[in-house]
């Protein structure tokens, strides 16, 4: 797994696989799952603060769903969704 992909014109990086040099270039950063909503929010907010070039941060929350932070102008907004996966 290389941890970096292109999606249209966006660069998507997996924070658990690539180093900070790559994360600084990413438009979308996907973090490994976190055990609680609080941990996920903290990680997403820290990522938005520290990596100002990124526009979207995604963090899975174990047994809950996904947290998505999206930069809107110069602030960040968040959303959580419970997902069900069918096979």
N, C-alpha and C. Protein backbone atom coordinates (compact mmCIF):
# COMPACT_ATOMS: atom_id res chain seq x y z
N UNK A 1 0.84 -1.17 0.00
CA UNK A 1 0.00 0.00 0.00
C UNK A 1 0.89 1.24 0.00
N UNK A 2 0.69 2.14 -0.96
CA UNK A 2 1.55 3.32 -1.03
C UNK A 2 1.03 4.46 -0.18
N UNK A 3 -0.27 4.55 0.07
CA UNK A 3 -0.80 5.57 0.95
C UNK A 3 -1.12 6.90 0.28
N UNK A 4 -0.90 7.01 -1.04
CA UNK A 4 -1.20 8.26 -1.75
C UNK A 4 -1.93 7.91 -3.04
N UNK A 5 -2.95 8.72 -3.36
CA UNK A 5 -3.69 8.52 -4.61
C UNK A 5 -4.15 9.87 -5.14
N UNK A 6 -4.47 9.90 -6.41
CA UNK A 6 -5.06 11.09 -7.01
C UNK A 6 -6.53 10.80 -7.23
N UNK A 7 -7.36 11.77 -6.94
CA UNK A 7 -8.79 11.67 -7.18
C UNK A 7 -9.18 12.94 -7.90
N UNK A 8 -9.29 12.85 -9.21
CA UNK A 8 -9.46 14.06 -10.02
C UNK A 8 -8.19 14.88 -9.89
N UNK A 9 -8.33 16.11 -9.47
CA UNK A 9 -7.15 16.96 -9.29
C UNK A 9 -6.65 16.97 -7.85
N UNK A 10 -7.33 16.23 -6.96
CA UNK A 10 -6.96 16.22 -5.54
C UNK A 10 -5.96 15.11 -5.24
N UNK A 11 -5.08 15.39 -4.27
CA UNK A 11 -4.15 14.38 -3.76
C UNK A 11 -4.71 13.89 -2.43
N UNK A 12 -4.90 12.57 -2.33
CA UNK A 12 -5.44 11.93 -1.13
C UNK A 12 -4.32 11.14 -0.47
N UNK A 13 -4.12 11.34 0.85
CA UNK A 13 -3.04 10.66 1.56
C UNK A 13 -3.59 9.97 2.82
N UNK A 14 -3.06 8.79 3.10
CA UNK A 14 -3.42 8.04 4.30
C UNK A 14 -2.37 8.35 5.37
N UNK A 15 -2.80 9.02 6.44
CA UNK A 15 -1.88 9.48 7.48
C UNK A 15 -1.17 8.35 8.20
N UNK A 16 -1.73 7.16 8.22
CA UNK A 16 -1.10 6.05 8.89
C UNK A 16 -0.01 5.39 8.06
N UNK A 17 0.15 5.81 6.80
CA UNK A 17 1.09 5.16 5.90
C UNK A 17 2.20 6.11 5.43
N UNK A 18 1.87 7.36 5.17
CA UNK A 18 2.85 8.30 4.60
C UNK A 18 3.41 9.23 5.68
N UNK A 19 4.53 9.88 5.37
CA UNK A 19 5.14 10.78 6.35
C UNK A 19 4.61 12.21 6.18
N UNK A 20 5.03 13.10 7.08
CA UNK A 20 4.53 14.47 7.09
C UNK A 20 4.85 15.25 5.83
N UNK A 21 5.94 14.94 5.15
CA UNK A 21 6.26 15.65 3.90
C UNK A 21 5.15 15.43 2.87
N UNK A 22 4.65 14.23 2.78
CA UNK A 22 3.57 13.93 1.84
C UNK A 22 2.26 14.55 2.33
N UNK A 23 1.99 14.47 3.64
CA UNK A 23 0.76 15.03 4.18
C UNK A 23 0.66 16.53 3.92
N UNK A 24 1.79 17.23 3.93
CA UNK A 24 1.78 18.68 3.68
C UNK A 24 1.32 19.02 2.26
N UNK A 25 1.44 18.06 1.35
CA UNK A 25 1.03 18.27 -0.04
C UNK A 25 -0.40 17.82 -0.31
N UNK A 26 -0.99 17.08 0.61
CA UNK A 26 -2.29 16.46 0.37
C UNK A 26 -3.45 17.44 0.48
N UNK A 27 -4.45 17.23 -0.36
CA UNK A 27 -5.70 17.99 -0.29
C UNK A 27 -6.68 17.29 0.66
N UNK A 28 -6.64 15.96 0.66
CA UNK A 28 -7.51 15.14 1.50
C UNK A 28 -6.63 14.21 2.32
N UNK A 29 -6.86 14.19 3.65
CA UNK A 29 -6.09 13.32 4.53
C UNK A 29 -7.05 12.36 5.23
N UNK A 30 -6.73 11.07 5.15
CA UNK A 30 -7.53 10.03 5.78
C UNK A 30 -6.70 9.46 6.94
N UNK A 31 -7.27 9.52 8.14
CA UNK A 31 -6.59 9.02 9.33
C UNK A 31 -7.06 7.61 9.68
N UNK A 32 -6.22 6.85 10.40
CA UNK A 32 -6.64 5.54 10.89
C UNK A 32 -7.81 5.71 11.88
N UNK A 33 -8.59 4.66 12.11
CA UNK A 33 -9.72 4.73 13.04
C UNK A 33 -9.30 5.15 14.45
N UNK A 34 -10.18 5.89 15.09
CA UNK A 34 -9.98 6.33 16.47
C UNK A 34 -11.04 5.67 17.35
N UNK A 35 -10.74 5.47 18.63
CA UNK A 35 -11.67 4.73 19.50
C UNK A 35 -12.92 5.51 19.91
N UNK A 36 -12.84 6.85 19.92
CA UNK A 36 -13.98 7.66 20.37
C UNK A 36 -14.20 8.85 19.46
N UNK A 37 -15.38 9.43 19.55
CA UNK A 37 -15.68 10.65 18.79
C UNK A 37 -14.76 11.78 19.23
N UNK A 38 -14.51 11.89 20.53
CA UNK A 38 -13.65 12.95 21.05
C UNK A 38 -12.24 12.85 20.47
N UNK A 39 -11.70 11.64 20.43
CA UNK A 39 -10.36 11.44 19.86
C UNK A 39 -10.35 11.79 18.38
N UNK A 40 -11.41 11.42 17.66
CA UNK A 40 -11.49 11.72 16.23
C UNK A 40 -11.59 13.22 15.96
N UNK A 41 -12.41 13.92 16.74
CA UNK A 41 -12.55 15.37 16.58
C UNK A 41 -11.24 16.07 16.89
N UNK A 42 -10.58 15.65 17.95
CA UNK A 42 -9.30 16.25 18.32
C UNK A 42 -8.26 16.06 17.22
N UNK A 43 -8.17 14.86 16.68
CA UNK A 43 -7.21 14.56 15.63
C UNK A 43 -7.53 15.36 14.35
N UNK A 44 -8.79 15.41 13.97
CA UNK A 44 -9.18 16.16 12.77
C UNK A 44 -8.91 17.65 12.93
N UNK A 45 -9.25 18.21 14.08
CA UNK A 45 -9.01 19.64 14.32
C UNK A 45 -7.52 19.96 14.31
N UNK A 46 -6.72 19.11 14.92
CA UNK A 46 -5.27 19.29 14.94
C UNK A 46 -4.70 19.22 13.53
N UNK A 47 -5.21 18.29 12.73
CA UNK A 47 -4.75 18.16 11.35
C UNK A 47 -5.08 19.43 10.56
N UNK A 48 -6.30 19.92 10.69
CA UNK A 48 -6.69 21.15 9.98
C UNK A 48 -5.83 22.33 10.42
N UNK A 49 -5.51 22.39 11.70
CA UNK A 49 -4.69 23.49 12.21
C UNK A 49 -3.26 23.41 11.71
N UNK A 50 -2.68 22.21 11.73
CA UNK A 50 -1.27 22.04 11.41
C UNK A 50 -0.97 21.92 9.92
N UNK A 51 -1.90 21.37 9.16
CA UNK A 51 -1.68 21.15 7.72
C UNK A 51 -2.65 22.03 6.94
N UNK A 52 -2.29 23.28 6.81
CA UNK A 52 -3.20 24.29 6.26
C UNK A 52 -3.53 24.11 4.79
N UNK A 53 -2.79 23.28 4.07
CA UNK A 53 -3.08 23.06 2.66
C UNK A 53 -4.18 22.03 2.43
N UNK A 54 -4.50 21.27 3.45
CA UNK A 54 -5.51 20.23 3.28
C UNK A 54 -6.91 20.84 3.40
N UNK A 55 -7.83 20.33 2.59
CA UNK A 55 -9.20 20.86 2.58
C UNK A 55 -10.21 19.92 3.21
N UNK A 56 -9.89 18.63 3.28
CA UNK A 56 -10.79 17.65 3.88
C UNK A 56 -9.98 16.67 4.73
N UNK A 57 -10.49 16.39 5.93
CA UNK A 57 -9.90 15.38 6.81
C UNK A 57 -10.98 14.36 7.14
N UNK A 58 -10.65 13.08 6.98
CA UNK A 58 -11.60 12.00 7.27
C UNK A 58 -10.99 11.12 8.36
N UNK A 59 -11.79 10.85 9.39
CA UNK A 59 -11.36 9.97 10.47
C UNK A 59 -12.48 8.98 10.76
N UNK A 60 -12.17 7.69 10.67
CA UNK A 60 -13.13 6.67 11.07
C UNK A 60 -13.20 6.61 12.59
N UNK A 61 -14.40 6.35 13.09
CA UNK A 61 -14.60 6.18 14.52
C UNK A 61 -15.04 4.74 14.72
N UNK A 62 -14.26 3.98 15.47
CA UNK A 62 -14.52 2.55 15.65
C UNK A 62 -15.96 2.31 16.08
N UNK A 63 -16.65 1.43 15.40
CA UNK A 63 -18.02 1.01 15.70
C UNK A 63 -19.02 2.15 15.63
N UNK A 64 -18.70 3.22 14.90
CA UNK A 64 -19.64 4.34 14.84
C UNK A 64 -19.85 4.84 13.41
N UNK A 65 -18.82 5.25 12.75
CA UNK A 65 -18.96 5.81 11.41
C UNK A 65 -17.76 6.64 11.03
N UNK A 66 -18.00 7.70 10.29
CA UNK A 66 -16.92 8.57 9.82
C UNK A 66 -17.13 9.99 10.30
N UNK A 67 -16.03 10.64 10.62
CA UNK A 67 -16.04 12.07 10.90
C UNK A 67 -15.36 12.74 9.72
N UNK A 68 -16.01 13.74 9.14
CA UNK A 68 -15.44 14.45 8.00
C UNK A 68 -15.35 15.93 8.36
N UNK A 69 -14.14 16.47 8.35
CA UNK A 69 -13.92 17.91 8.53
C UNK A 69 -13.65 18.48 7.15
N UNK A 70 -14.31 19.57 6.81
CA UNK A 70 -14.11 20.22 5.52
C UNK A 70 -13.80 21.69 5.77
N UNK A 71 -12.73 22.15 5.15
CA UNK A 71 -12.35 23.55 5.31
C UNK A 71 -13.29 24.38 4.44
N UNK A 72 -13.97 25.32 5.05
CA UNK A 72 -14.86 26.23 4.33
C UNK A 72 -14.30 27.63 4.53
N UNK A 73 -13.76 28.20 3.47
CA UNK A 73 -13.03 29.46 3.54
C UNK A 73 -11.86 29.26 4.49
N UNK A 74 -11.85 29.84 5.65
CA UNK A 74 -10.71 29.65 6.55
C UNK A 74 -11.09 28.94 7.84
N UNK A 75 -12.30 28.44 7.91
CA UNK A 75 -12.70 27.70 9.11
C UNK A 75 -12.92 26.25 8.75
N UNK A 76 -13.21 25.44 9.73
CA UNK A 76 -13.47 24.02 9.48
C UNK A 76 -14.85 23.68 10.00
N UNK A 77 -15.56 22.86 9.26
CA UNK A 77 -16.86 22.36 9.70
C UNK A 77 -16.75 20.84 9.81
N UNK A 78 -17.63 20.26 10.58
CA UNK A 78 -17.55 18.80 10.74
C UNK A 78 -18.90 18.15 10.54
N UNK A 79 -18.85 16.88 10.23
CA UNK A 79 -20.06 16.09 10.04
C UNK A 79 -19.74 14.64 10.39
N UNK A 80 -20.66 13.98 11.04
CA UNK A 80 -20.49 12.54 11.28
C UNK A 80 -21.66 11.82 10.66
N UNK A 81 -21.37 10.67 10.12
CA UNK A 81 -22.40 9.83 9.51
C UNK A 81 -22.17 8.38 9.93
N UNK A 82 -23.22 7.73 10.25
CA UNK A 82 -23.14 6.30 10.55
C UNK A 82 -23.30 5.57 9.22
N UNK A 83 -22.37 4.73 8.90
CA UNK A 83 -22.39 4.02 7.63
C UNK A 83 -22.66 2.55 7.86
N UNK A 84 -23.43 1.96 6.99
CA UNK A 84 -23.58 0.51 7.02
C UNK A 84 -23.05 -0.02 5.69
N UNK A 85 -22.28 -1.07 5.77
CA UNK A 85 -21.68 -1.66 4.59
C UNK A 85 -22.35 -3.00 4.35
N UNK A 86 -22.86 -3.17 3.14
CA UNK A 86 -23.50 -4.43 2.79
C UNK A 86 -22.60 -5.18 1.83
N UNK A 87 -22.50 -6.45 2.03
CA UNK A 87 -21.69 -7.29 1.14
C UNK A 87 -22.57 -8.07 0.21
